[in-house]
PDB file of N, CA and C in Angstrom:
ATOM      1  N   MET A   1      -2.679  19.448   1.284  1.00  0.00           N
ATOM      2  CA  MET A   1      -3.499  17.987   0.377  1.00  0.00           C
ATOM      3  C   MET A   1      -3.781  17.364   0.948  1.00  0.00           C
ATOM      4  N   THR A   2      -4.658  16.325   0.958  1.00  0.00           N
ATOM      5  CA  THR A   2      -5.467  15.503   2.435  1.00  0.00           C
ATOM      6  C   THR A   2      -5.043  14.026   1.530  1.00  0.00           C
ATOM      7  N   LEU A   3      -5.260  13.087   2.533  1.00  0.00           N
ATOM      8  CA  LEU A   3      -4.674  11.604   1.934  1.00  0.00           C
ATOM      9  C   LEU A   3      -5.881  11.142   0.953  1.00  0.00           C
ATOM     10  N   GLU A   4      -6.885  11.531   1.274  1.00  0.00           N
ATOM     11  CA  GLU A   4      -7.949  11.591   0.382  1.00  0.00           C
ATOM     12  C   GLU A   4      -7.775  12.078  -1.154  1.00  0.00           C
ATOM     13  N   ASP A   5      -7.180  13.145  -0.788  1.00  0.00           N
ATOM     14  CA  ASP A   5      -7.004  13.712  -2.209  1.00  0.00           C
ATOM     15  C   ASP A   5      -5.599  12.963  -2.868  1.00  0.00           C
ATOM     16  N   ILE A   6      -4.673  12.453  -1.991  1.00  0.00           N
ATOM     17  CA  ILE A   6      -3.802  11.593  -2.733  1.00  0.00           C
ATOM     18  C   ILE A   6      -3.934  10.396  -3.181  1.00  0.00           C
ATOM     19  N   LYS A   7      -5.066   9.631  -2.384  1.00  0.00           N
ATOM     20  CA  LYS A   7      -5.588   8.285  -3.039  1.00  0.00           C
ATOM     21  C   LYS A   7      -6.816   8.396  -4.220  1.00  0.00           C
ATOM     22  N   LYS A   8      -6.676   9.795  -4.530  1.00  0.00           N
ATOM     23  CA  LYS A   8      -7.838   9.879  -5.923  1.00  0.00           C
ATOM     24  C   LYS A   8      -6.744  10.269  -7.032  1.00  0.00           C
ATOM     25  N   ILE A   9      -5.742  11.047  -6.554  1.00  0.00           N
ATOM     26  CA  ILE A   9      -4.759  11.282  -7.411  1.00  0.00           C
ATOM     27  C   ILE A   9      -3.774  10.222  -8.141  1.00  0.00           C
ATOM     28  N   LEU A  10      -3.534   9.350  -7.414  1.00  0.00           N
ATOM     29  CA  LEU A  10      -3.159   8.072  -7.452  1.00  0.00           C
ATOM     30  C   LEU A  10      -3.613   6.943  -7.692  1.00  0.00           C
ATOM     31  N   GLU A  11      -5.371   7.262  -8.215  1.00  0.00           N
ATOM     32  CA  GLU A  11      -5.865   5.844  -8.098  1.00  0.00           C
ATOM     33  C   GLU A  11      -5.501   4.912  -7.053  1.00  0.00           C
ATOM     34  N   ALA A  12      -5.698   5.125  -5.717  1.00  0.00           N
ATOM     35  CA  ALA A  12      -4.898   4.370  -4.910  1.00  0.00           C
ATOM     36  C   ALA A  12      -6.118   3.598  -4.055  1.00  0.00           C
ATOM     37  N   GLU A  13      -5.933   2.546  -3.544  1.00  0.00           N
ATOM     38  CA  GLU A  13      -6.623   1.322  -2.459  1.00  0.00           C
ATOM     39  C   GLU A  13      -6.170   1.567  -1.335  1.00  0.00           C
ATOM     40  N   VAL A  14      -6.892   1.557  -0.297  1.00  0.00           N
ATOM     41  CA  VAL A  14      -7.004   2.069   1.185  1.00  0.00           C
ATOM     42  C   VAL A  14      -6.737   0.633   1.864  1.00  0.00           C
ATOM     43  N   ILE A  15      -5.268  -0.181   2.209  1.00  0.00           N
ATOM     44  CA  ILE A  15      -5.245  -1.118   2.693  1.00  0.00           C
ATOM     45  C   ILE A  15      -5.582  -1.060   4.533  1.00  0.00           C
ATOM     46  N   VAL A  16      -4.894   0.436   4.936  1.00  0.00           N
ATOM     47  CA  VAL A  16      -5.179   0.116   6.310  1.00  0.00           C
ATOM     48  C   VAL A  16      -5.433   1.571   6.523  1.00  0.00           C
ATOM     49  N   GLY A  17      -6.278   2.354   7.380  1.00  0.00           N
ATOM     50  CA  GLY A  17      -6.179   3.772   7.365  1.00  0.00           C
ATOM     51  C   GLY A  17      -7.611   4.591   7.307  1.00  0.00           C
ATOM     52  N   ASP A  18      -8.333   4.115   6.415  1.00  0.00           N
ATOM     53  CA  ASP A  18      -9.403   4.771   5.979  1.00  0.00           C
ATOM     54  C   ASP A  18     -10.375   5.634   7.140  1.00  0.00           C
ATOM     55  N   GLU A  19     -10.141   5.711   8.553  1.00  0.00           N
ATOM     56  CA  GLU A  19     -10.298   6.642   9.261  1.00  0.00           C
ATOM     57  C   GLU A  19      -9.276   8.072   9.161  1.00  0.00           C
ATOM     58  N   HIS A  20      -7.977   7.942   8.526  1.00  0.00           N
ATOM     59  CA  HIS A  20      -7.115   9.021   8.547  1.00  0.00           C
ATOM     60  C   HIS A  20      -6.844   9.762   7.006  1.00  0.00           C
ATOM     61  N   LEU A  21      -8.079   9.707   6.041  1.00  0.00           N
ATOM     62  CA  LEU A  21      -8.180  10.064   4.909  1.00  0.00           C
ATOM     63  C   LEU A  21      -8.179  11.542   4.884  1.00  0.00           C
ATOM     64  N   ASP A  22      -8.635  11.920   6.573  1.00  0.00           N
ATOM     65  CA  ASP A  22      -8.528  13.274   6.051  1.00  0.00           C
ATOM     66  C   ASP A  22      -7.173  14.314   6.872  1.00  0.00           C
ATOM     67  N   LYS A  23      -6.378  12.962   7.028  1.00  0.00           N
ATOM     68  CA  LYS A  23      -5.114  13.517   7.249  1.00  0.00           C
ATOM     69  C   LYS A  23      -4.530  14.967   6.120  1.00  0.00           C
ATOM     70  N   GLU A  24      -3.925  15.528   6.674  1.00  0.00           N
ATOM     71  CA  GLU A  24      -3.111  16.260   5.788  1.00  0.00           C
ATOM     72  C   GLU A  24      -1.693  16.455   5.545  1.00  0.00           C
ATOM     73  N   ILE A  25      -1.463  16.540   4.047  1.00  0.00           N
ATOM     74  CA  ILE A  25       0.083  15.757   3.796  1.00  0.00           C
ATOM     75  C   ILE A  25       0.800  17.023   2.925  1.00  0.00           C
ATOM     76  N   LYS A  26       1.568  17.310   3.336  1.00  0.00           N
ATOM     77  CA  LYS A  26       2.804  18.564   2.841  1.00  0.00           C
ATOM     78  C   LYS A  26       3.741  18.213   2.092  1.00  0.00           C
ATOM     79  N   ILE A  27       4.054  17.535   1.912  1.00  0.00           N
ATOM     80  CA  ILE A  27       5.451  16.617   1.705  1.00  0.00           C
ATOM     81  C   ILE A  27       5.473  15.062   1.263  1.00  0.00           C
ATOM     82  N   VAL A  28       6.073  15.095   0.340  1.00  0.00           N
ATOM     83  CA  VAL A  28       6.097  13.224  -0.136  1.00  0.00           C
ATOM     84  C   VAL A  28       7.653  13.009  -0.837  1.00  0.00           C
ATOM     85  N   ALA A  29       7.878  11.380  -0.393  1.00  0.00           N
ATOM     86  CA  ALA A  29       9.126  11.152  -0.499  1.00  0.00           C
ATOM     87  C   ALA A  29       9.096  10.005  -1.303  1.00  0.00           C
ATOM     88  N   GLY A  30      10.131   9.590  -1.795  1.00  0.00           N
ATOM     89  CA  GLY A  30       9.789   8.405  -2.629  1.00  0.00           C
ATOM     90  C   GLY A  30      11.301   7.511  -2.678  1.00  0.00           C
ATOM     91  N   ALA A  31      11.506   6.551  -2.172  1.00  0.00           N
ATOM     92  CA  ALA A  31      12.374   5.361  -1.836  1.00  0.00           C
ATOM     93  C   ALA A  31      12.471   4.219  -1.678  1.00  0.00           C
ATOM     94  N   ASP A  32      13.023   3.045  -1.835  1.00  0.00           N
ATOM     95  CA  ASP A  32      12.908   1.985  -1.581  1.00  0.00           C
ATOM     96  C   ASP A  32      14.024   1.092  -0.404  1.00  0.00           C
ATOM     97  N   LEU A  33      15.139   2.281  -0.204  1.00  0.00           N
ATOM     98  CA  LEU A  33      15.826   1.949   0.808  1.00  0.00           C
ATOM     99  C   LEU A  33      15.497   2.312   1.988  1.00  0.00           C
ATOM    100  N   LEU A  34      15.502   1.641   2.890  1.00  0.00           N
ATOM    101  CA  LEU A  34      15.262   1.657   4.371  1.00  0.00           C
ATOM    102  C   LEU A  34      16.383   2.752   4.722  1.00  0.00           C
ATOM    103  N   SER A  35      17.617   2.836   4.547  1.00  0.00           N
ATOM    104  CA  SER A  35      18.628   4.073   5.138  1.00  0.00           C
ATOM    105  C   SER A  35      18.403   5.025   4.470  1.00  0.00           C
ATOM    106  N   ASP A  36      17.955   5.245   3.356  1.00  0.00           N
ATOM    107  CA  ASP A  36      17.551   6.550   2.622  1.00  0.00           C
ATOM    108  C   ASP A  36      16.409   7.116   3.261  1.00  0.00           C
ATOM    109  N   VAL A  37      15.639   6.406   3.531  1.00  0.00           N
ATOM    110  CA  VAL A  37      13.791   6.731   4.253  1.00  0.00           C
ATOM    111  C   VAL A  37      14.421   7.370   5.627  1.00  0.00           C
ATOM    112  N   LEU A  38      15.374   6.725   6.603  1.00  0.00           N
ATOM    113  CA  LEU A  38      15.547   7.362   7.509  1.00  0.00           C
ATOM    114  C   LEU A  38      16.674   8.553   7.480  1.00  0.00           C
ATOM    115  N   ALA A  39      17.726   8.735   6.608  1.00  0.00           N
ATOM    116  CA  ALA A  39      18.554   9.932   6.497  1.00  0.00           C
ATOM    117  C   ALA A  39      17.743  10.994   5.833  1.00  0.00           C
ATOM    118  N   ALA A  40      16.423  10.962   5.017  1.00  0.00           N
ATOM    119  CA  ALA A  40      16.347  11.883   4.604  1.00  0.00           C
ATOM    120  C   ALA A  40      14.639  12.399   4.931  1.00  0.00           C
ATOM    121  N   ALA A  41      14.232  11.855   5.974  1.00  0.00           N
ATOM    122  CA  ALA A  41      12.731  11.642   5.852  1.00  0.00           C
ATOM    123  C   ALA A  41      12.327  13.121   6.759  1.00  0.00           C
ATOM    124  N   VAL A  42      11.236  14.030   6.313  1.00  0.00           N
ATOM    125  CA  VAL A  42      10.764  14.719   7.235  1.00  0.00           C
ATOM    126  C   VAL A  42       9.809  14.227   7.776  1.00  0.00           C
ATOM    127  N   PRO A  43       9.161  14.364   9.274  1.00  0.00           N
ATOM    128  CA  PRO A  43       7.808  13.938   9.637  1.00  0.00           C
ATOM    129  C   PRO A  43       6.771  14.574   9.163  1.00  0.00           C
ATOM    130  N   GLY A  44       6.055  13.615   9.137  1.00  0.00           N
ATOM    131  CA  GLY A  44       4.218  14.194   8.529  1.00  0.00           C
ATOM    132  C   GLY A  44       4.704  13.725   7.059  1.00  0.00           C
ATOM    133  N   ALA A  45       5.509  13.324   6.274  1.00  0.00           N
ATOM    134  CA  ALA A  45       5.722  13.097   5.020  1.00  0.00           C
ATOM    135  C   ALA A  45       4.831  11.708   4.445  1.00  0.00           C
ATOM    136  N   LEU A  46       4.445  11.714   3.210  1.00  0.00           N
ATOM    137  CA  LEU A  46       3.988  10.831   2.983  1.00  0.00           C
ATOM    138  C   LEU A  46       5.025   9.929   1.887  1.00  0.00           C
ATOM    139  N   LEU A  47       5.199   8.610   2.428  1.00  0.00           N
ATOM    140  CA  LEU A  47       6.526   7.488   1.942  1.00  0.00           C
ATOM    141  C   LEU A  47       5.883   7.315   0.814  1.00  0.00           C
ATOM    142  N   LEU A  48       6.592   7.201  -0.501  1.00  0.00           N
ATOM    143  CA  LEU A  48       5.888   6.483  -1.791  1.00  0.00           C
ATOM    144  C   LEU A  48       7.251   5.249  -1.772  1.00  0.00           C
ATOM    145  N   THR A  49       6.911   3.817  -1.770  1.00  0.00           N
ATOM    146  CA  THR A  49       7.785   3.037  -1.919  1.00  0.00           C
ATOM    147  C   THR A  49       7.492   1.837  -2.623  1.00  0.00           C
ATOM    148  N   GLY A  50       8.674   0.732  -3.295  1.00  0.00           N
ATOM    149  CA  GLY A  50       8.120  -0.485  -3.447  1.00  0.00           C
ATOM    150  C   GLY A  50       8.348  -1.590  -2.430  1.00  0.00           C
ATOM    151  N   GLN A  51       8.610  -1.445  -1.369  1.00  0.00           N
ATOM    152  CA  GLN A  51       8.919  -2.277  -0.215  1.00  0.00           C
ATOM    153  C   GLN A  51       7.510  -2.472   0.667  1.00  0.00           C
ATOM    154  N   THR A  52       7.341  -3.717   0.773  1.00  0.00           N
ATOM    155  CA  THR A  52       6.127  -4.341   1.389  1.00  0.00           C
ATOM    156  C   THR A  52       6.389  -4.959   2.641  1.00  0.00           C
ATOM    157  N   ASN A  53       7.607  -5.171   3.013  1.00  0.00           N
ATOM    158  CA  ASN A  53       7.919  -5.925   4.287  1.00  0.00           C
ATOM    159  C   ASN A  53       7.424  -4.916   6.094  1.00  0.00           C
ATOM    160  N   PRO A  54       7.032  -6.088   6.625  1.00  0.00           N
ATOM    161  CA  PRO A  54       6.680  -5.000   7.784  1.00  0.00           C
ATOM    162  C   PRO A  54       8.161  -3.971   8.555  1.00  0.00           C
ATOM    163  N   GLN A  55       9.310  -4.101   8.138  1.00  0.00           N
ATOM    164  CA  GLN A  55      10.121  -3.004   8.363  1.00  0.00           C
ATOM    165  C   GLN A  55       9.983  -1.755   7.941  1.00  0.00           C
ATOM    166  N   ILE A  56       9.058  -1.425   6.793  1.00  0.00           N
ATOM    167  CA  ILE A  56       8.781  -0.237   6.212  1.00  0.00           C
ATOM    168  C   ILE A  56       8.076   0.396   6.820  1.00  0.00           C
ATOM    169  N   VAL A  57       7.139  -0.384   7.898  1.00  0.00           N
ATOM    170  CA  VAL A  57       6.174   0.400   8.472  1.00  0.00           C
ATOM    171  C   VAL A  57       7.006   0.939  10.119  1.00  0.00           C
ATOM    172  N   ARG A  58       7.356  -0.100  10.006  1.00  0.00           N
ATOM    173  CA  ARG A  58       8.687   0.439  11.061  1.00  0.00           C
ATOM    174  C   ARG A  58       9.584   1.845  11.340  1.00  0.00           C
ATOM    175  N   THR A  59       9.744   1.601   9.881  1.00  0.00           N
ATOM    176  CA  THR A  59      10.485   2.546   9.514  1.00  0.00           C
ATOM    177  C   THR A  59       9.849   3.726   9.330  1.00  0.00           C
ATOM    178  N   ALA A  60       8.825   3.714   9.137  1.00  0.00           N
ATOM    179  CA  ALA A  60       8.054   4.602   8.625  1.00  0.00           C
ATOM    180  C   ALA A  60       7.704   5.247  10.094  1.00  0.00           C
ATOM    181  N   GLU A  61       7.528   4.458  11.274  1.00  0.00           N
ATOM    182  CA  GLU A  61       6.888   5.018  12.311  1.00  0.00           C
ATOM    183  C   GLU A  61       8.280   5.727  13.120  1.00  0.00           C
ATOM    184  N   MET A  62       9.406   4.905  12.933  1.00  0.00           N
ATOM    185  CA  MET A  62      10.748   5.678  13.415  1.00  0.00           C
ATOM    186  C   MET A  62      10.736   7.254  12.797  1.00  0.00           C
ATOM    187  N   ALA A  63      10.988   7.406  11.747  1.00  0.00           N
ATOM    188  CA  ALA A  63      10.540   8.230  10.958  1.00  0.00           C
ATOM    189  C   ALA A  63       9.350   9.721  11.010  1.00  0.00           C
ATOM    190  N   ASP A  64       8.380   9.301  11.850  1.00  0.00           N
ATOM    191  CA  ASP A  64       7.374   9.647  11.814  1.00  0.00           C
ATOM    192  C   ASP A  64       6.781  10.339  10.460  1.00  0.00           C
ATOM    193  N   LEU A  65       6.472   9.318   9.892  1.00  0.00           N
ATOM    194  CA  LEU A  65       5.930   9.925   8.377  1.00  0.00           C
ATOM    195  C   LEU A  65       4.606   9.292   8.887  1.00  0.00           C
ATOM    196  N   ALA A  66       3.625  10.482   7.995  1.00  0.00           N
ATOM    197  CA  ALA A  66       2.163  10.043   8.260  1.00  0.00           C
ATOM    198  C   ALA A  66       1.585   8.940   7.473  1.00  0.00           C
ATOM    199  N   ALA A  67       2.035   8.460   6.483  1.00  0.00           N
ATOM    200  CA  ALA A  67       1.319   7.328   5.399  1.00  0.00           C
ATOM    201  C   ALA A  67       2.146   6.617   4.513  1.00  0.00           C
ATOM    202  N   ILE A  68       1.892   5.349   3.934  1.00  0.00           N
ATOM    203  CA  ILE A  68       2.880   5.025   3.250  1.00  0.00           C
ATOM    204  C   ILE A  68       1.641   4.660   2.053  1.00  0.00           C
ATOM    205  N   CYS A  69       2.429   4.791   0.625  1.00  0.00           N
ATOM    206  CA  CYS A  69       1.575   4.366  -0.203  1.00  0.00           C
ATOM    207  C   CYS A  69       2.575   3.399  -0.894  1.00  0.00           C
ATOM    208  N   LEU A  70       2.349   1.939  -1.208  1.00  0.00           N
ATOM    209  CA  LEU A  70       3.153   1.255  -2.378  1.00  0.00           C
ATOM    210  C   LEU A  70       2.872   1.145  -3.357  1.00  0.00           C
ATOM    211  N   VAL A  71       3.798   1.318  -4.315  1.00  0.00           N
ATOM    212  CA  VAL A  71       4.218   1.623  -5.712  1.00  0.00           C
ATOM    213  C   VAL A  71       3.859   0.598  -6.630  1.00  0.00           C
ATOM    214  N   ARG A  72       3.814   0.614  -7.763  1.00  0.00           N
ATOM    215  CA  ARG A  72       3.852  -0.655  -8.852  1.00  0.00           C
ATOM    216  C   ARG A  72       2.649  -1.514  -8.892  1.00  0.00           C
ATOM    217  N   GLY A  73       1.932  -1.606  -7.824  1.00  0.00           N
ATOM    218  CA  GLY A  73       0.831  -2.703  -7.705  1.00  0.00           C
ATOM    219  C   GLY A  73       0.956  -3.835  -6.532  1.00  0.00           C
ATOM    220  N   LYS A  74       2.271  -3.103  -5.975  1.00  0.00           N
ATOM    221  CA  LYS A  74       2.547  -4.166  -4.752  1.00  0.00           C
ATOM    222  C   LYS A  74       1.702  -4.391  -3.460  1.00  0.00           C
ATOM    223  N   LYS A  75       1.739  -5.268  -3.287  1.00  0.00           N
ATOM    224  CA  LYS A  75       0.451  -5.756  -2.205  1.00  0.00           C
ATOM    225  C   LYS A  75       1.478  -6.316  -0.931  1.00  0.00           C
ATOM    226  N   PRO A  76       0.889  -5.650   0.203  1.00  0.00           N
ATOM    227  CA  PRO A  76       1.381  -6.139   1.645  1.00  0.00           C
ATOM    228  C   PRO A  76       1.233  -7.374   1.981  1.00  0.00           C
ATOM    229  N   ASP A  77       1.997  -8.221   3.012  1.00  0.00           N
ATOM    230  CA  ASP A  77       1.793  -9.292   3.438  1.00  0.00           C
ATOM    231  C   ASP A  77       1.180  -9.274   4.494  1.00  0.00           C
ATOM    232  N   ARG A  78       0.258 -10.160   5.352  1.00  0.00           N
ATOM    233  CA  ARG A  78      -0.594 -10.054   6.263  1.00  0.00           C
ATOM    234  C   ARG A  78       0.326  -8.870   7.711  1.00  0.00           C
ATOM    235  N   GLU A  79       1.489  -9.660   7.719  1.00  0.00           N
ATOM    236  CA  GLU A  79       1.957  -8.967   8.980  1.00  0.00           C
ATOM    237  C   GLU A  79       2.242  -7.696   8.826  1.00  0.00           C
ATOM    238  N   THR A  80       2.799  -7.205   7.264  1.00  0.00           N
ATOM    239  CA  THR A  80       2.928  -5.509   7.183  1.00  0.00           C
ATOM    240  C   THR A  80       1.708  -4.965   7.806  1.00  0.00           C
ATOM    241  N   ILE A  81       0.155  -5.542   7.116  1.00  0.00           N
ATOM    242  CA  ILE A  81      -0.606  -5.099   7.544  1.00  0.00           C
ATOM    243  C   ILE A  81      -1.116  -4.984   8.870  1.00  0.00           C
ATOM    244  N   ASP A  82      -0.673  -5.969   9.528  1.00  0.00           N
ATOM    245  CA  ASP A  82      -1.178  -6.004  11.220  1.00  0.00           C
ATOM    246  C   ASP A  82      -0.289  -5.077  11.748  1.00  0.00           C
ATOM    247  N   VAL A  83       1.161  -4.425  11.209  1.00  0.00           N
ATOM    248  CA  VAL A  83       2.173  -3.547  11.852  1.00  0.00           C
ATOM    249  C   VAL A  83       1.672  -2.532  11.514  1.00  0.00           C
ATOM    250  N   ALA A  84       1.237  -2.143  10.451  1.00  0.00           N
ATOM    251  CA  ALA A  84       0.367  -0.649  10.219  1.00  0.00           C
ATOM    252  C   ALA A  84      -0.922  -0.564  10.851  1.00  0.00           C
ATOM    253  N   GLU A  85      -1.749  -1.570  10.893  1.00  0.00           N
ATOM    254  CA  GLU A  85      -2.615  -0.991  11.744  1.00  0.00           C
ATOM    255  C   GLU A  85      -2.476  -0.957  13.239  1.00  0.00           C
ATOM    256  N   SER A  86      -1.187  -1.712  13.617  1.00  0.00           N
ATOM    257  CA  SER A  86      -1.176  -1.487  15.410  1.00  0.00           C
ATOM    258  C   SER A  86      -0.377  -0.245  15.532  1.00  0.00           C
ATOM    259  N   LYS A  87      -0.014  -0.033  14.390  1.00  0.00           N
ATOM    260  CA  LYS A  87       1.154   1.428  14.638  1.00  0.00           C
ATOM    261  C   LYS A  87      -0.068   2.580  14.192  1.00  0.00           C
ATOM    262  N   LYS A  88      -1.045   2.493  13.567  1.00  0.00           N
ATOM    263  CA  LYS A  88      -1.996   3.378  12.781  1.00  0.00           C
ATOM    264  C   LYS A  88      -1.615   4.289  12.211  1.00  0.00           C
ATOM    265  N   ILE A  89      -0.668   3.762  11.139  1.00  0.00           N
ATOM    266  CA  ILE A  89      -0.094   4.244   9.991  1.00  0.00           C
ATOM    267  C   ILE A  89      -1.180   3.830   8.708  1.00  0.00           C
ATOM    268  N   PRO A  90      -1.303   4.809   7.876  1.00  0.00           N
ATOM    269  CA  PRO A  90      -2.269   4.556   6.509  1.00  0.00           C
ATOM    270  C   PRO A  90      -1.121   3.959   5.682  1.00  0.00           C
ATOM    271  N   LEU A  91      -1.963   2.606   4.972  1.00  0.00           N
ATOM    272  CA  LEU A  91      -1.205   1.924   4.081  1.00  0.00           C
ATOM    273  C   LEU A  91      -2.176   1.937   2.949  1.00  0.00           C
ATOM    274  N   LEU A  92      -1.090   2.618   1.830  1.00  0.00           N
ATOM    275  CA  LEU A  92      -2.351   2.347   0.259  1.00  0.00           C
ATOM    276  C   LEU A  92      -1.528   1.826  -0.512  1.00  0.00           C
ATOM    277  N   THR A  93      -2.284   1.221  -1.664  1.00  0.00           N
ATOM    278  CA  THR A  93      -1.150   0.627  -2.769  1.00  0.00           C
ATOM    279  C   THR A  93      -2.136   1.396  -3.991  1.00  0.00           C
ATOM    280  N   THR A  94      -1.005   1.414  -4.946  1.00  0.00           N
ATOM    281  CA  THR A  94      -1.405   2.017  -6.378  1.00  0.00           C
ATOM    282  C   THR A  94      -0.743   1.482  -7.590  1.00  0.00           C
ATOM    283  N   SER A  95      -1.499   1.096  -8.539  1.00  0.00           N
ATOM    284  CA  SER A  95      -0.885   0.283  -9.813  1.00  0.00           C
ATOM    285  C   SER A  95       0.292   1.050 -10.511  1.00  0.00           C
ATOM    286  N   VAL A  96      -0.095   2.579 -10.264  1.00  0.00           N
ATOM    287  CA  VAL A  96       1.113   3.489 -10.777  1.00  0.00           C
ATOM    288  C   VAL A  96       2.486   3.366 -10.153  1.00  0.00           C
ATOM    289  N   PRO A  97       3.444   3.392 -11.640  1.00  0.00           N
ATOM    290  CA  PRO A  97       5.158   3.512 -10.747  1.00  0.00           C
ATOM    291  C   PRO A  97       5.205   4.383 -10.056  1.00  0.00           C
ATOM    292  N   MET A  98       6.424   4.611  -9.221  1.00  0.00           N
ATOM    293  CA  MET A  98       7.084   5.308  -8.184  1.00  0.00           C
ATOM    294  C   MET A  98       7.164   6.742  -8.998  1.00  0.00           C
ATOM    295  N   PHE A  99       8.004   6.935 -10.235  1.00  0.00           N
ATOM    296  CA  PHE A  99       8.252   7.816 -11.048  1.00  0.00           C
ATOM    297  C   PHE A  99       7.031   8.703 -11.341  1.00  0.00           C
ATOM    298  N   GLU A 100       6.333   8.114 -12.154  1.00  0.00           N
ATOM    299  CA  GLU A 100       4.721   8.400 -12.446  1.00  0.00           C
ATOM    300  C   GLU A 100       3.963   9.251 -10.938  1.00  0.00           C
ATOM    301  N   SER A 101       4.162   8.595  -9.862  1.00  0.00           N
ATOM    302  CA  SER A 101       3.462   8.710  -8.421  1.00  0.00           C
ATOM    303  C   SER A 101       3.821  10.081  -8.172  1.00  0.00           C
ATOM    304  N   CYS A 102       5.580  10.404  -7.967  1.00  0.00           N
ATOM    305  CA  CYS A 102       5.635  11.633  -7.932  1.00  0.00           C
ATOM    306  C   CYS A 102       5.257  12.750  -8.856  1.00  0.00           C
ATOM    307  N   GLY A 103       5.260  12.282 -10.201  1.00  0.00           N
ATOM    308  CA  GLY A 103       5.385  13.227 -10.903  1.00  0.00           C
ATOM    309  C   GLY A 103       3.497  14.012 -10.836  1.00  0.00           C
ATOM    310  N   ARG A 104       2.574  12.881 -10.628  1.00  0.00           N
ATOM    311  CA  ARG A 104       1.403  13.363 -10.325  1.00  0.00           C
ATOM    312  C   ARG A 104       1.067  14.117  -9.091  1.00  0.00           C
ATOM    313  N   LEU A 105       1.807  13.408  -8.289  1.00  0.00           N
ATOM    314  CA  LEU A 105       1.577  14.548  -7.003  1.00  0.00           C
ATOM    315  C   LEU A 105       2.375  16.115  -7.020  1.00  0.00           C
ATOM    316  N   TRP A 106       3.124  16.201  -7.636  1.00  0.00           N
ATOM    317  CA  TRP A 106       4.331  17.495  -7.868  1.00  0.00           C
ATOM    318  C   TRP A 106       2.790  18.118  -8.893  1.00  0.00           C
ATOM    319  N   VAL A 107       2.618  17.760  -9.681  1.00  0.00           N
ATOM    320  CA  VAL A 107       1.876  18.510 -10.253  1.00  0.00           C
ATOM    321  C   VAL A 107       0.680  19.176  -9.456  1.00  0.00           C
ATOM    322  N   ALA A 108       0.102  17.995  -9.088  1.00  0.00           N
ATOM    323  CA  ALA A 108      -0.916  18.356  -7.938  1.00  0.00           C
ATOM    324  C   ALA A 108      -0.659  19.392  -7.080  1.00  0.00           C
ATOM    325  N   GLY A 109       0.659  19.958  -6.709  1.00  0.00           N
ATOM    326  CA  GLY A 109       1.310  20.789  -5.695  1.00  0.00           C
ATOM    327  C   GLY A 109       1.646  20.352  -4.499  1.00  0.00           C
ATOM    328  N   LEU A 110       2.165  18.899  -4.282  1.00  0.00           N
ATOM    329  CA  LEU A 110       2.797  18.527  -3.205  1.00  0.00           C
ATOM    330  C   LEU A 110       4.468  18.557  -3.797  1.00  0.00           C
ATOM    331  N   ARG A 111       4.938  18.716  -3.082  1.00  0.00           N
ATOM    332  CA  ARG A 111       6.520  19.285  -2.618  1.00  0.00           C
ATOM    333  C   ARG A 111       7.415  18.042  -2.209  1.00  0.00           C
ATOM    334  N   GLY A 112       8.838  17.962  -2.591  1.00  0.00           N
ATOM    335  CA  GLY A 112       9.547  16.889  -1.614  1.00  0.00           C
ATOM    336  C   GLY A 112      10.403  17.903  -0.691  1.00  0.00           C
ATOM    337  N   ARG A 113      11.365  17.238  -0.074  1.00  0.00           N
ATOM    338  CA  ARG A 113      12.155  17.712   1.028  1.00  0.00           C
ATOM    339  C   ARG A 113      13.045  18.839   0.393  1.00  0.00           C
ATOM    340  N   SER A 114      13.455  19.045  -0.593  1.00  0.00           N
ATOM    341  CA  SER A 114      14.339  20.250  -1.085  1.00  0.00           C
ATOM    342  C   SER A 114      13.362  21.307  -1.625  1.00  0.00           C
ATOM    343  N   ASP A 115      12.715  21.000  -1.852  1.00  0.00           N
ATOM    344  CA  ASP A 115      11.264  22.415  -1.588  1.00  0.00           C
ATOM    345  C   ASP A 115      10.947  22.456  -0.286  1.00  0.00           C
ATOM    346  N   TYR A 116      10.418  21.460   0.715  1.00  0.00           N
ATOM    347  CA  TYR A 116       9.898  22.238   1.927  1.00  0.00           C
ATOM    348  C   TYR A 116      11.099  22.661   2.993  1.00  0.00           C
ATOM    349  N   SER A 117      12.028  22.175   2.715  1.00  0.00           N
ATOM    350  CA  SER A 117      13.245  23.151   3.192  1.00  0.00           C
ATOM    351  C   SER A 117      13.555  24.834   3.261  1.00  0.00           C
ATOM    352  N   LYS A 118      13.258  25.275   2.087  1.00  0.00           N
ATOM    353  CA  LYS A 118      13.288  26.137   1.637  1.00  0.00           C
ATOM    354  C   LYS A 118      12.344  27.096   2.389  1.00  0.00           C
ATOM    355  N   LYS A 119      11.119  26.594   2.906  1.00  0.00           N
ATOM    356  CA  LYS A 119      10.003  27.304   3.693  1.00  0.00           C
ATOM    357  C   LYS A 119      10.410  27.637   4.651  1.00  0.00           C
TER     358      LYS A 119
END
């Protein structure tokens, strides 16, 4: 599934990374704790989070995540946007809550870590 597909499913807005909407996403994770992201991340995953600070982008870079989607209508500040641009990490936002975002992506065929590791 591409980031463009995910954008449509989540009715999301692209904040950074329009040029990466063709990026293939095979796994998704939802977390607000940075330590959880680092402990359980799978490289190439989409991260759904309510965190909007620059550290979420730096964490995504360290974990080699493909993109970040802010849930619950969260908007990043300028510093977060600047870091995402400099790291070339797509950043999206959706008004859909985290639980529903995960559900929509599951129904569309995107899986999480537990299913991904079985392959």
